[in-house]
Amino acid sequence: MLHDQDHKQEEQTANPVTAQHGTAHHSDPHSLGCSEDQDLLPPAYSSLDFRRNAVTDDYKITAQVLGLGINGKVLECYCKMSGEKCALKILYDTPKARREIELHSRVSGGPHIVRILNLFENMHNGKKCLLIVMECMEGGELFNRIQARGDQAFTEREASEIMHDIGTAIEYLHHMDIAHRDVKPENLLYTTKESNATLKLTDFGFAKETILHNSLQTPCYTPYYVAPEVLGPEKYDKSCDMWSLGVIMYILLCGFPPFYSNTGQAISPGMKQRIRMGQYEFPNPEWAEVSDEAKQLIIQLLKTDPNERMTIGQFMNHPWISVS
């Protein structure tokens, strides 16, 4: 499913996901970080319960790297008491790292969100580090499952169930006035390798509180999934996550993203212009059998004006989603 398609658009390759898109098992060169965080309203949630004993007192850490997030790497570890396999994320102690932990901790245990099990504050090589012990997601990324489909697209029922799970996580975040800002298949992990495994959202390295409307300004994004307002100087809010849902839904139903570049850059001027103009197509043969209902839902999510874009409540109540 994620290989060359017959159709071409100006400045676009037909194989962007496979050719360019890194997974969470590698550092993603296309996730553009926030050099200076200018966003308003730092999190008020500060009662984090860090343990200060050595993490190795309680967990056996292996050399197996499970992934590389925005702010730090994730290692395999085992609880010495229970033998449970867990994931250990290691962050240098910075305000950005603390914000990630604060926001993830606040929503940990929410539906379809990776759970935090323990937090540690340890010294490593003379530097203070923050260690997050999380449930281990044995099933890998949604991205890998998309790749594994080859030419076989997800059925609308399959895609609907996946989007319902992602939407449930986003609904919980938005209800808590939190924007994730990096919703993508690499940040969506399955609990097991079974076909009926639970899908959960992770990596809150770009997450931000959005108590005030249009309160976000620092451009944090992964190019394929970035909303047009994030590319400009104007402020934006959590509706940027809804755009990302539209891009993911598009990919699930055809195997390639609506916006991409073949210039070798993470994002080209032409790609940026198409995103800001909302210029994309539903080309045949990939979209010939997809329902108008699904296409219209994508159109409502990929509105360039965030004020016209579907909200998470509208998304979850849409018949194409709610029947799953």
C-alpha atoms as a PDB file:
ATOM      1  CA  MET A   1       0.000   0.000   0.000  1.00  0.00           C
ATOM      2  CA  LEU A   2       2.866   2.396   0.700  1.00  0.00           C
ATOM      3  CA  HIS A   3       4.680   2.201  -2.578  1.00  0.00           C
ATOM      4  CA  ASP A   4       4.652   4.025  -5.879  1.00  0.00           C
ATOM      5  CA  GLN A   5       1.254   5.132  -7.121  1.00  0.00           C
ATOM      6  CA  ASP A   6       0.454   5.993 -10.727  1.00  0.00           C
ATOM      7  CA  HIS A   7      -0.729   9.503 -10.030  1.00  0.00           C
ATOM      8  CA  LYS A   8       1.671  12.401  -9.603  1.00  0.00           C
ATOM      9  CA  GLN A   9       1.144  15.923  -8.424  1.00  0.00           C
ATOM     10  CA  GLU A  10       3.534  18.808  -8.994  1.00  0.00           C
ATOM     11  CA  GLU A  11       6.590  18.565  -6.716  1.00  0.00           C
ATOM     12  CA  GLN A  12       5.158  15.431  -5.091  1.00  0.00           C
ATOM     13  CA  THR A  13       6.478  11.906  -5.086  1.00  0.00           C
ATOM     14  CA  ALA A  14       4.065   9.004  -5.009  1.00  0.00           C
ATOM     15  CA  ASN A  15       6.006   7.182  -2.328  1.00  0.00           C
ATOM     16  CA  PRO A  16       6.661   9.744   0.423  1.00  0.00           C
ATOM     17  CA  VAL A  17       5.760   7.680   3.457  1.00  0.00           C
ATOM     18  CA  THR A  18       8.038   4.764   2.605  1.00  0.00           C
ATOM     19  CA  ALA A  19      10.795   6.842   1.019  1.00  0.00           C
ATOM     20  CA  GLN A  20      11.137   9.609   3.576  1.00  0.00           C
ATOM     21  CA  HIS A  21       9.177   8.907   6.691  1.00  0.00           C
ATOM     22  CA  GLY A  22      11.201   7.645   9.647  1.00  0.00           C
ATOM     23  CA  THR A  23       9.567   5.668  12.411  1.00  0.00           C
ATOM     24  CA  ALA A  24       9.764   6.089  16.159  1.00  0.00           C
ATOM     25  CA  HIS A  25      12.526   3.478  16.203  1.00  0.00           C
ATOM     26  CA  HIS A  26      14.779   6.099  14.646  1.00  0.00           C
ATOM     27  CA  SER A  27      15.139   9.786  15.306  1.00  0.00           C
ATOM     28  CA  ASP A  28      12.710  11.525  12.991  1.00  0.00           C
ATOM     29  CA  PRO A  29      14.487  14.218  10.974  1.00  0.00           C
ATOM     30  CA  HIS A  30      11.127  15.560   9.890  1.00  0.00           C
ATOM     31  CA  SER A  31       9.851  16.399  13.357  1.00  0.00           C
ATOM     32  CA  LEU A  32      10.766  20.044  13.604  1.00  0.00           C
ATOM     33  CA  GLY A  33      11.385  20.945  17.229  1.00  0.00           C
ATOM     34  CA  CYS A  34      10.699  24.182  19.078  1.00  0.00           C
ATOM     35  CA  SER A  35      13.930  26.146  19.337  1.00  0.00           C
ATOM     36  CA  GLU A  36      12.498  28.678  21.731  1.00  0.00           C
ATOM     37  CA  ASP A  37       9.239  27.927  23.459  1.00  0.00           C
ATOM     38  CA  GLN A  38       7.211  31.117  23.317  1.00  0.00           C
ATOM     39  CA  ASP A  39       3.821  29.585  24.102  1.00  0.00           C
ATOM     40  CA  LEU A  40       1.798  30.961  26.961  1.00  0.00           C
ATOM     41  CA  LEU A  41       0.554  29.358  30.156  1.00  0.00           C
ATOM     42  CA  PRO A  42       3.064  26.892  31.599  1.00  0.00           C
ATOM     43  CA  PRO A  43       1.413  23.848  33.168  1.00  0.00           C
ATOM     44  CA  ALA A  44       0.071  24.382  36.667  1.00  0.00           C
ATOM     45  CA  TYR A  45       0.346  20.663  37.397  1.00  0.00           C
ATOM     46  CA  SER A  46       3.554  20.431  39.416  1.00  0.00           C
ATOM     47  CA  SER A  47       2.967  17.745  42.056  1.00  0.00           C
ATOM     48  CA  LEU A  48       4.895  15.061  40.202  1.00  0.00           C
ATOM     49  CA  ASP A  49       5.972  12.186  42.398  1.00  0.00           C
ATOM     50  CA  PHE A  50       9.586  11.528  41.404  1.00  0.00           C
ATOM     51  CA  ARG A  51      11.401   8.710  43.171  1.00  0.00           C
ATOM     52  CA  ARG A  52      15.007   9.584  43.951  1.00  0.00           C
ATOM     53  CA  ASN A  53      16.443   6.148  44.540  1.00  0.00           C
ATOM     54  CA  ALA A  54      18.373   4.610  41.635  1.00  0.00           C
ATOM     55  CA  VAL A  55      16.055   3.292  38.944  1.00  0.00           C
ATOM     56  CA  THR A  56      18.244   0.173  38.832  1.00  0.00           C
ATOM     57  CA  ASP A  57      17.108  -0.642  42.387  1.00  0.00           C
ATOM     58  CA  ASP A  58      13.679  -1.462  40.999  1.00  0.00           C
ATOM     59  CA  TYR A  59      14.214  -2.164  37.299  1.00  0.00           C
ATOM     60  CA  LYS A  60      16.668  -4.177  35.241  1.00  0.00           C
ATOM     61  CA  ILE A  61      17.541  -2.084  32.191  1.00  0.00           C
ATOM     62  CA  THR A  62      18.606  -3.792  28.963  1.00  0.00           C
ATOM     63  CA  ALA A  63      20.482  -2.363  25.991  1.00  0.00           C
ATOM     64  CA  GLN A  64      17.440  -2.850  23.750  1.00  0.00           C
ATOM     65  CA  VAL A  65      16.347   0.514  22.322  1.00  0.00           C
ATOM     66  CA  LEU A  66      12.581   0.517  21.814  1.00  0.00           C
ATOM     67  CA  GLY A  67      12.406   3.936  20.232  1.00  0.00           C
ATOM     68  CA  LEU A  68      13.649   7.513  20.029  1.00  0.00           C
ATOM     69  CA  GLY A  69      11.139  10.159  20.993  1.00  0.00           C
ATOM     70  CA  ILE A  70      11.348  13.885  20.433  1.00  0.00           C
ATOM     71  CA  ASN A  71      13.190  14.558  23.680  1.00  0.00           C
ATOM     72  CA  GLY A  72      14.922  11.274  24.521  1.00  0.00           C
ATOM     73  CA  LYS A  73      15.426   7.572  23.873  1.00  0.00           C
ATOM     74  CA  VAL A  74      13.298   4.694  25.154  1.00  0.00           C
ATOM     75  CA  LEU A  75      14.901   1.509  26.527  1.00  0.00           C
ATOM     76  CA  GLU A  76      13.515  -1.883  27.455  1.00  0.00           C
ATOM     77  CA  CYS A  77      13.429  -2.634  31.188  1.00  0.00           C
ATOM     78  CA  TYR A  78      11.963  -5.204  33.569  1.00  0.00           C
ATOM     79  CA  CYS A  79      10.442  -4.664  36.994  1.00  0.00           C
ATOM     80  CA  LYS A  80      12.563  -6.678  39.438  1.00  0.00           C
ATOM     81  CA  MET A  81       9.614  -7.376  41.722  1.00  0.00           C
ATOM     82  CA  SER A  82       7.013  -8.498  39.168  1.00  0.00           C
ATOM     83  CA  GLY A  83       9.104  -9.310  36.094  1.00  0.00           C
ATOM     84  CA  GLU A  84       6.839  -7.049  34.037  1.00  0.00           C
ATOM     85  CA  LYS A  85       8.398  -5.742  30.836  1.00  0.00           C
ATOM     86  CA  CYS A  86       8.284  -1.949  30.693  1.00  0.00           C
ATOM     87  CA  ALA A  87       9.583   0.954  28.623  1.00  0.00           C
ATOM     88  CA  LEU A  88      12.025   3.460  30.134  1.00  0.00           C
ATOM     89  CA  LYS A  89      12.282   6.931  28.615  1.00  0.00           C
ATOM     90  CA  ILE A  90      15.377   8.912  29.592  1.00  0.00           C
ATOM     91  CA  LEU A  91      15.315  12.719  29.471  1.00  0.00           C
ATOM     92  CA  TYR A  92      17.844  15.284  30.607  1.00  0.00           C
ATOM     93  CA  ASP A  93      16.245  17.523  33.229  1.00  0.00           C
ATOM     94  CA  THR A  94      15.097  20.597  31.300  1.00  0.00           C
ATOM     95  CA  PRO A  95      11.935  22.716  31.497  1.00  0.00           C
ATOM     96  CA  LYS A  96      10.801  21.132  28.231  1.00  0.00           C
ATOM     97  CA  ALA A  97      11.299  17.618  29.612  1.00  0.00           C
ATOM     98  CA  ARG A  98       9.413  18.468  32.792  1.00  0.00           C
ATOM     99  CA  ARG A  99       6.542  19.871  30.757  1.00  0.00           C
ATOM    100  CA  GLU A 100       6.379  16.659  28.733  1.00  0.00           C
ATOM    101  CA  ILE A 101       6.259  14.590  31.911  1.00  0.00           C
ATOM    102  CA  GLU A 102       3.742  16.900  33.593  1.00  0.00           C
ATOM    103  CA  LEU A 103       1.290  16.764  30.717  1.00  0.00           C
ATOM    104  CA  HIS A 104       1.730  13.045  30.059  1.00  0.00           C
ATOM    105  CA  SER A 105       1.276  12.347  33.783  1.00  0.00           C
ATOM    106  CA  ARG A 106      -1.905  14.377  33.839  1.00  0.00           C
ATOM    107  CA  VAL A 107      -3.521  12.282  31.117  1.00  0.00           C
ATOM    108  CA  SER A 108      -1.861   8.945  31.952  1.00  0.00           C
ATOM    109  CA  GLY A 109      -4.554   6.363  32.491  1.00  0.00           C
ATOM    110  CA  GLY A 110      -6.893   8.122  30.098  1.00  0.00           C
ATOM    111  CA  PRO A 111      -8.462   6.087  27.290  1.00  0.00           C
ATOM    112  CA  HIS A 112      -6.050   5.039  24.543  1.00  0.00           C
ATOM    113  CA  ILE A 113      -3.115   6.860  26.158  1.00  0.00           C
ATOM    114  CA  VAL A 114       0.112   5.078  27.147  1.00  0.00           C
ATOM    115  CA  ARG A 115       0.287   4.754  30.946  1.00  0.00           C
ATOM    116  CA  ILE A 116       3.125   6.056  33.101  1.00  0.00           C
ATOM    117  CA  LEU A 117       4.034   3.555  35.829  1.00  0.00           C
ATOM    118  CA  ASN A 118       6.845   5.321  37.708  1.00  0.00           C
ATOM    119  CA  LEU A 119       8.950   8.475  37.630  1.00  0.00           C
ATOM    120  CA  PHE A 120      12.579   8.725  38.754  1.00  0.00           C
ATOM    121  CA  GLU A 121      15.022  11.599  39.198  1.00  0.00           C
ATOM    122  CA  ASN A 122      18.593  10.247  38.931  1.00  0.00           C
ATOM    123  CA  MET A 123      22.080  11.513  38.159  1.00  0.00           C
ATOM    124  CA  HIS A 124      23.758  10.136  35.041  1.00  0.00           C
ATOM    125  CA  ASN A 125      27.254  11.149  33.907  1.00  0.00           C
ATOM    126  CA  GLY A 126      27.095  14.119  36.252  1.00  0.00           C
ATOM    127  CA  LYS A 127      23.781  15.376  34.878  1.00  0.00           C
ATOM    128  CA  LYS A 128      20.328  15.151  36.408  1.00  0.00           C
ATOM    129  CA  CYS A 129      18.007  12.982  34.354  1.00  0.00           C
ATOM    130  CA  LEU A 130      14.273  12.370  34.486  1.00  0.00           C
ATOM    131  CA  LEU A 131      13.260   8.761  33.898  1.00  0.00           C
ATOM    132  CA  ILE A 132       9.753   7.739  32.850  1.00  0.00           C
ATOM    133  CA  VAL A 133       8.765   4.099  33.275  1.00  0.00           C
ATOM    134  CA  MET A 134       5.809   3.344  31.002  1.00  0.00           C
ATOM    135  CA  GLU A 135       3.802   0.320  30.010  1.00  0.00           C
ATOM    136  CA  CYS A 136       5.564  -1.543  27.193  1.00  0.00           C
ATOM    137  CA  MET A 137       3.631  -1.463  23.949  1.00  0.00           C
ATOM    138  CA  GLU A 138       4.571  -4.828  22.443  1.00  0.00           C
ATOM    139  CA  GLY A 139       2.598  -4.396  19.235  1.00  0.00           C
ATOM    140  CA  GLY A 140       4.677  -1.660  17.637  1.00  0.00           C
ATOM    141  CA  GLU A 141       3.544   1.416  15.747  1.00  0.00           C
ATOM    142  CA  LEU A 142       0.476   2.015  13.648  1.00  0.00           C
ATOM    143  CA  PHE A 143       3.015   3.177  11.050  1.00  0.00           C
ATOM    144  CA  ASN A 144       4.443  -0.352  10.810  1.00  0.00           C
ATOM    145  CA  ARG A 145       0.983  -1.837  10.318  1.00  0.00           C
ATOM    146  CA  ILE A 146       0.293   0.634   7.531  1.00  0.00           C
ATOM    147  CA  GLN A 147       3.550  -0.363   5.833  1.00  0.00           C
ATOM    148  CA  ALA A 148       2.831  -4.069   6.288  1.00  0.00           C
ATOM    149  CA  ARG A 149      -0.434  -3.787   4.355  1.00  0.00           C
ATOM    150  CA  GLY A 150       1.433  -3.394   1.068  1.00  0.00           C
ATOM    151  CA  ASP A 151      -1.134  -3.030  -1.720  1.00  0.00           C
ATOM    152  CA  GLN A 152      -4.028  -3.972   0.529  1.00  0.00           C
ATOM    153  CA  ALA A 153      -5.655  -0.794   1.817  1.00  0.00           C
ATOM    154  CA  PHE A 154      -7.470  -0.756   5.126  1.00  0.00           C
ATOM    155  CA  THR A 155     -11.188  -1.303   4.716  1.00  0.00           C
ATOM    156  CA  GLU A 156     -13.413   1.564   5.779  1.00  0.00           C
ATOM    157  CA  ARG A 157     -14.536  -0.469   8.777  1.00  0.00           C
ATOM    158  CA  GLU A 158     -10.921  -1.104   9.826  1.00  0.00           C
ATOM    159  CA  ALA A 159      -9.984   2.540   9.290  1.00  0.00           C
ATOM    160  CA  SER A 160     -13.069   3.672  11.202  1.00  0.00           C
ATOM    161  CA  GLU A 161     -12.120   1.566  14.220  1.00  0.00           C
ATOM    162  CA  ILE A 162      -8.563   2.906  14.181  1.00  0.00           C
ATOM    163  CA  MET A 163      -9.752   6.506  13.868  1.00  0.00           C
ATOM    164  CA  HIS A 164     -12.269   5.963  16.674  1.00  0.00           C
ATOM    165  CA  ASP A 165      -9.456   4.851  18.995  1.00  0.00           C
ATOM    166  CA  ILE A 166      -7.246   7.802  18.057  1.00  0.00           C
ATOM    167  CA  GLY A 167     -10.190  10.170  18.381  1.00  0.00           C
ATOM    168  CA  THR A 168     -10.967   8.834  21.854  1.00  0.00           C
ATOM    169  CA  ALA A 169      -7.454   9.763  23.004  1.00  0.00           C
ATOM    170  CA  ILE A 170      -7.633  13.211  21.398  1.00  0.00           C
ATOM    171  CA  GLU A 171     -11.083  13.817  22.883  1.00  0.00           C
ATOM    172  CA  TYR A 172      -9.669  13.143  26.344  1.00  0.00           C
ATOM    173  CA  LEU A 173      -6.715  15.486  25.752  1.00  0.00           C
ATOM    174  CA  HIS A 174      -8.865  18.283  24.353  1.00  0.00           C
ATOM    175  CA  HIS A 175     -11.297  17.948  27.257  1.00  0.00           C
ATOM    176  CA  MET A 176      -8.260  18.534  29.498  1.00  0.00           C
ATOM    177  CA  ASP A 177      -7.306  21.577  27.362  1.00  0.00           C
ATOM    178  CA  ILE A 178      -4.189  19.880  26.035  1.00  0.00           C
ATOM    179  CA  ALA A 179      -3.054  19.842  22.410  1.00  0.00           C
ATOM    180  CA  HIS A 180      -0.761  16.949  21.476  1.00  0.00           C
ATOM    181  CA  ARG A 181       0.657  18.712  18.382  1.00  0.00           C
ATOM    182  CA  ASP A 182       2.410  15.621  16.991  1.00  0.00           C
ATOM    183  CA  VAL A 183      -0.349  13.127  16.252  1.00  0.00           C
ATOM    184  CA  LYS A 184       1.053  10.682  13.685  1.00  0.00           C
ATOM    185  CA  PRO A 185       1.217   6.897  13.116  1.00  0.00           C
ATOM    186  CA  GLU A 186       4.686   6.698  14.706  1.00  0.00           C
ATOM    187  CA  ASN A 187       3.260   8.012  17.988  1.00  0.00           C
ATOM    188  CA  LEU A 188       0.391   5.516  18.040  1.00  0.00           C
ATOM    189  CA  LEU A 189       1.384   2.167  19.542  1.00  0.00           C
ATOM    190  CA  TYR A 190      -0.366  -1.188  19.930  1.00  0.00           C
ATOM    191  CA  THR A 191      -0.434  -3.089  23.219  1.00  0.00           C
ATOM    192  CA  THR A 192       0.247  -6.445  21.499  1.00  0.00           C
ATOM    193  CA  LYS A 193       0.833  -7.851  18.035  1.00  0.00           C
ATOM    194  CA  GLU A 194      -2.701  -9.281  17.945  1.00  0.00           C
ATOM    195  CA  SER A 195      -5.117  -7.871  15.386  1.00  0.00           C
ATOM    196  CA  ASN A 196      -7.481  -6.769  18.169  1.00  0.00           C
ATOM    197  CA  ALA A 197      -4.784  -5.026  20.237  1.00  0.00           C
ATOM    198  CA  THR A 198      -5.508  -1.667  21.853  1.00  0.00           C
ATOM    199  CA  LEU A 199      -4.038   1.400  20.135  1.00  0.00           C
ATOM    200  CA  LYS A 200      -2.594   4.122  22.378  1.00  0.00           C
ATOM    201  CA  LEU A 201      -1.136   7.606  21.921  1.00  0.00           C
ATOM    202  CA  THR A 202       2.350   8.406  23.236  1.00  0.00           C
ATOM    203  CA  ASP A 203       5.189  10.993  23.092  1.00  0.00           C
ATOM    204  CA  PHE A 204       4.018  14.246  24.641  1.00  0.00           C
ATOM    205  CA  GLY A 205       7.211  16.107  23.731  1.00  0.00           C
ATOM    206  CA  PHE A 206       5.276  18.720  21.748  1.00  0.00           C
ATOM    207  CA  ALA A 207       2.148  18.725  23.941  1.00  0.00           C
ATOM    208  CA  LYS A 208       0.909  22.035  25.331  1.00  0.00           C
ATOM    209  CA  GLU A 209      -1.885  23.427  27.461  1.00  0.00           C
ATOM    210  CA  THR A 210      -4.450  25.456  25.511  1.00  0.00           C
ATOM    211  CA  ILE A 211      -6.629  27.065  28.148  1.00  0.00           C
ATOM    212  CA  LEU A 212      -6.946  30.225  26.077  1.00  0.00           C
ATOM    213  CA  HIS A 213      -8.246  30.007  22.503  1.00  0.00           C
ATOM    214  CA  ASN A 214      -5.454  30.560  19.958  1.00  0.00           C
ATOM    215  CA  SER A 215      -2.841  30.309  22.717  1.00  0.00           C
ATOM    216  CA  LEU A 216      -0.169  28.337  20.830  1.00  0.00           C
ATOM    217  CA  GLN A 217       2.485  30.063  18.775  1.00  0.00           C
ATOM    218  CA  THR A 218       5.720  28.046  18.690  1.00  0.00           C
ATOM    219  CA  PRO A 219       5.770  25.981  15.463  1.00  0.00           C
ATOM    220  CA  CYS A 220       6.117  22.318  16.491  1.00  0.00           C
ATOM    221  CA  TYR A 221       5.194  19.741  13.889  1.00  0.00           C
ATOM    222  CA  THR A 222       5.954  16.800  11.649  1.00  0.00           C
ATOM    223  CA  PRO A 223       5.550  18.032   8.042  1.00  0.00           C
ATOM    224  CA  TYR A 224       3.185  15.387   6.621  1.00  0.00           C
ATOM    225  CA  TYR A 225       0.656  16.022   9.387  1.00  0.00           C
ATOM    226  CA  VAL A 226       1.064  19.753  10.024  1.00  0.00           C
ATOM    227  CA  ALA A 227      -1.978  22.039   9.936  1.00  0.00           C
ATOM    228  CA  PRO A 228      -1.670  25.129   7.702  1.00  0.00           C
ATOM    229  CA  GLU A 229      -2.012  27.631  10.551  1.00  0.00           C
ATOM    230  CA  VAL A 230       1.040  26.106  12.278  1.00  0.00           C
ATOM    231  CA  LEU A 231       3.182  27.041   9.258  1.00  0.00           C
ATOM    232  CA  GLY A 232       2.473  30.754   9.607  1.00  0.00           C
ATOM    233  CA  PRO A 233       3.101  33.444  12.213  1.00  0.00           C
ATOM    234  CA  GLU A 234      -0.461  33.415  13.517  1.00  0.00           C
ATOM    235  CA  LYS A 235      -1.368  31.724  16.780  1.00  0.00           C
ATOM    236  CA  TYR A 236      -3.218  28.423  16.738  1.00  0.00           C
ATOM    237  CA  ASP A 237      -5.042  26.077  19.097  1.00  0.00           C
ATOM    238  CA  LYS A 238      -5.794  22.381  19.599  1.00  0.00           C
ATOM    239  CA  SER A 239      -7.695  22.191  16.299  1.00  0.00           C
ATOM    240  CA  CYS A 240      -4.272  21.510  14.759  1.00  0.00           C
ATOM    241  CA  ASP A 241      -4.701  17.945  16.091  1.00  0.00           C
ATOM    242  CA  MET A 242      -7.903  17.603  14.057  1.00  0.00           C
ATOM    243  CA  TRP A 243      -6.002  18.335  10.844  1.00  0.00           C
ATOM    244  CA  SER A 244      -3.569  15.554  11.761  1.00  0.00           C
ATOM    245  CA  LEU A 245      -6.513  13.171  12.204  1.00  0.00           C
ATOM    246  CA  GLY A 246      -7.610  14.022   8.667  1.00  0.00           C
ATOM    247  CA  VAL A 247      -4.164  13.236   7.276  1.00  0.00           C
ATOM    248  CA  ILE A 248      -3.992   9.904   9.131  1.00  0.00           C
ATOM    249  CA  MET A 249      -7.468   8.929   7.933  1.00  0.00           C
ATOM    250  CA  TYR A 250      -6.475   9.791   4.353  1.00  0.00           C
ATOM    251  CA  ILE A 251      -3.361   7.595   4.615  1.00  0.00           C
ATOM    252  CA  LEU A 252      -5.289   4.655   6.082  1.00  0.00           C
ATOM    253  CA  LEU A 253      -7.722   4.654   3.173  1.00  0.00           C
ATOM    254  CA  CYS A 254      -5.212   4.910   0.312  1.00  0.00           C
ATOM    255  CA  GLY A 255      -1.654   4.356   1.610  1.00  0.00           C
ATOM    256  CA  PHE A 256      -0.101   7.742   0.860  1.00  0.00           C
ATOM    257  CA  PRO A 257      -0.495  11.213   2.419  1.00  0.00           C
ATOM    258  CA  PRO A 258      -2.406  14.119   0.882  1.00  0.00           C
ATOM    259  CA  PHE A 259       0.621  16.440   1.057  1.00  0.00           C
ATOM    260  CA  TYR A 260       4.257  15.540   0.437  1.00  0.00           C
ATOM    261  CA  SER A 261       7.475  16.640  -1.263  1.00  0.00           C
ATOM    262  CA  ASN A 262      10.046  15.002  -3.513  1.00  0.00           C
ATOM    263  CA  THR A 263      12.753  17.632  -3.109  1.00  0.00           C
ATOM    264  CA  GLY A 264      14.619  15.756  -0.383  1.00  0.00           C
ATOM    265  CA  GLN A 265      13.613  18.417   2.123  1.00  0.00           C
ATOM    266  CA  ALA A 266      11.412  17.699   5.121  1.00  0.00           C
ATOM    267  CA  ILE A 267       9.005  20.254   3.719  1.00  0.00           C
ATOM    268  CA  SER A 268       9.407  22.055   0.388  1.00  0.00           C
ATOM    269  CA  PRO A 269       8.003  25.468  -0.552  1.00  0.00           C
ATOM    270  CA  GLY A 270       5.553  23.754  -2.894  1.00  0.00           C
ATOM    271  CA  MET A 271       4.393  21.336  -0.215  1.00  0.00           C
ATOM    272  CA  LYS A 272       4.004  24.181   2.281  1.00  0.00           C
ATOM    273  CA  GLN A 273       1.920  26.144  -0.218  1.00  0.00           C
ATOM    274  CA  ARG A 274      -0.337  23.145  -0.913  1.00  0.00           C
ATOM    275  CA  ILE A 275      -0.898  22.639   2.812  1.00  0.00           C
ATOM    276  CA  ARG A 276      -1.744  26.297   3.358  1.00  0.00           C
ATOM    277  CA  MET A 277      -4.089  26.278   0.346  1.00  0.00           C
ATOM    278  CA  GLY A 278      -5.585  22.895   1.216  1.00  0.00           C
ATOM    279  CA  GLN A 279      -4.717  21.548  -2.235  1.00  0.00           C
ATOM    280  CA  TYR A 280      -5.079  17.766  -2.343  1.00  0.00           C
ATOM    281  CA  GLU A 281      -7.023  15.196  -4.366  1.00  0.00           C
ATOM    282  CA  PHE A 282      -8.812  11.865  -4.042  1.00  0.00           C
ATOM    283  CA  PRO A 283      -7.196  10.204  -7.091  1.00  0.00           C
ATOM    284  CA  ASN A 284      -8.377   7.013  -8.743  1.00  0.00           C
ATOM    285  CA  PRO A 285      -8.011   4.093  -8.606  1.00  0.00           C
ATOM    286  CA  GLU A 286      -7.172   4.260  -4.897  1.00  0.00           C
ATOM    287  CA  TRP A 287     -10.222   6.332  -3.979  1.00  0.00           C
ATOM    288  CA  ALA A 288     -12.701   4.910  -6.480  1.00  0.00           C
ATOM    289  CA  GLU A 289     -14.329   2.551  -3.977  1.00  0.00           C
ATOM    290  CA  VAL A 290     -14.121   4.822  -0.923  1.00  0.00           C
ATOM    291  CA  SER A 291     -17.477   6.176   0.223  1.00  0.00           C
ATOM    292  CA  ASP A 292     -18.459   9.815  -0.171  1.00  0.00           C
ATOM    293  CA  GLU A 293     -19.148   9.829   3.567  1.00  0.00           C
ATOM    294  CA  ALA A 294     -15.494   9.058   4.308  1.00  0.00           C
ATOM    295  CA  LYS A 295     -14.260  11.638   1.796  1.00  0.00           C
ATOM    296  CA  GLN A 296     -16.550  14.313   3.237  1.00  0.00           C
ATOM    297  CA  LEU A 297     -15.263  13.579   6.735  1.00  0.00           C
ATOM    298  CA  ILE A 298     -11.684  14.085   5.537  1.00  0.00           C
ATOM    299  CA  ILE A 299     -12.720  17.335   3.844  1.00  0.00           C
ATOM    300  CA  GLN A 300     -14.198  18.573   7.146  1.00  0.00           C
ATOM    301  CA  LEU A 301     -10.957  17.732   8.956  1.00  0.00           C
ATOM    302  CA  LEU A 302      -8.667  19.286   6.335  1.00  0.00           C
ATOM    303  CA  LYS A 303     -10.285  22.722   6.404  1.00  0.00           C
ATOM    304  CA  THR A 304      -7.528  25.315   6.145  1.00  0.00           C
ATOM    305  CA  ASP A 305      -9.473  27.691   8.401  1.00  0.00           C
ATOM    306  CA  PRO A 306      -9.300  26.165  11.900  1.00  0.00           C
ATOM    307  CA  ASN A 307     -12.573  27.879  12.791  1.00  0.00           C
ATOM    308  CA  GLU A 308     -14.318  25.858  10.073  1.00  0.00           C
ATOM    309  CA  ARG A 309     -12.557  22.612  10.945  1.00  0.00           C
ATOM    310  CA  MET A 310     -14.474  19.826  12.632  1.00  0.00           C
ATOM    311  CA  THR A 311     -14.081  19.668  16.423  1.00  0.00           C
ATOM    312  CA  ILE A 312     -13.254  16.451  18.249  1.00  0.00           C
ATOM    313  CA  GLY A 313     -16.821  16.245  19.553  1.00  0.00           C
ATOM    314  CA  GLN A 314     -18.235  16.492  16.036  1.00  0.00           C
ATOM    315  CA  PHE A 315     -15.706  13.935  14.844  1.00  0.00           C
ATOM    316  CA  MET A 316     -16.604  11.360  17.496  1.00  0.00           C
ATOM    317  CA  ASN A 317     -20.327  11.815  16.790  1.00  0.00           C
ATOM    318  CA  HIS A 318     -19.930  11.491  13.019  1.00  0.00           C
ATOM    319  CA  PRO A 319     -21.747   8.377  11.716  1.00  0.00           C
ATOM    320  CA  TRP A 320     -18.611   7.078   9.954  1.00  0.00           C
ATOM    321  CA  ILE A 321     -16.799   7.075  13.323  1.00  0.00           C
ATOM    322  CA  SER A 322     -19.570   6.303  15.789  1.00  0.00           C
ATOM    323  CA  VAL A 323     -20.638   3.053  14.075  1.00  0.00           C
ATOM    324  CA  SER A 324     -17.250   1.465  14.831  1.00  0.00           C
END
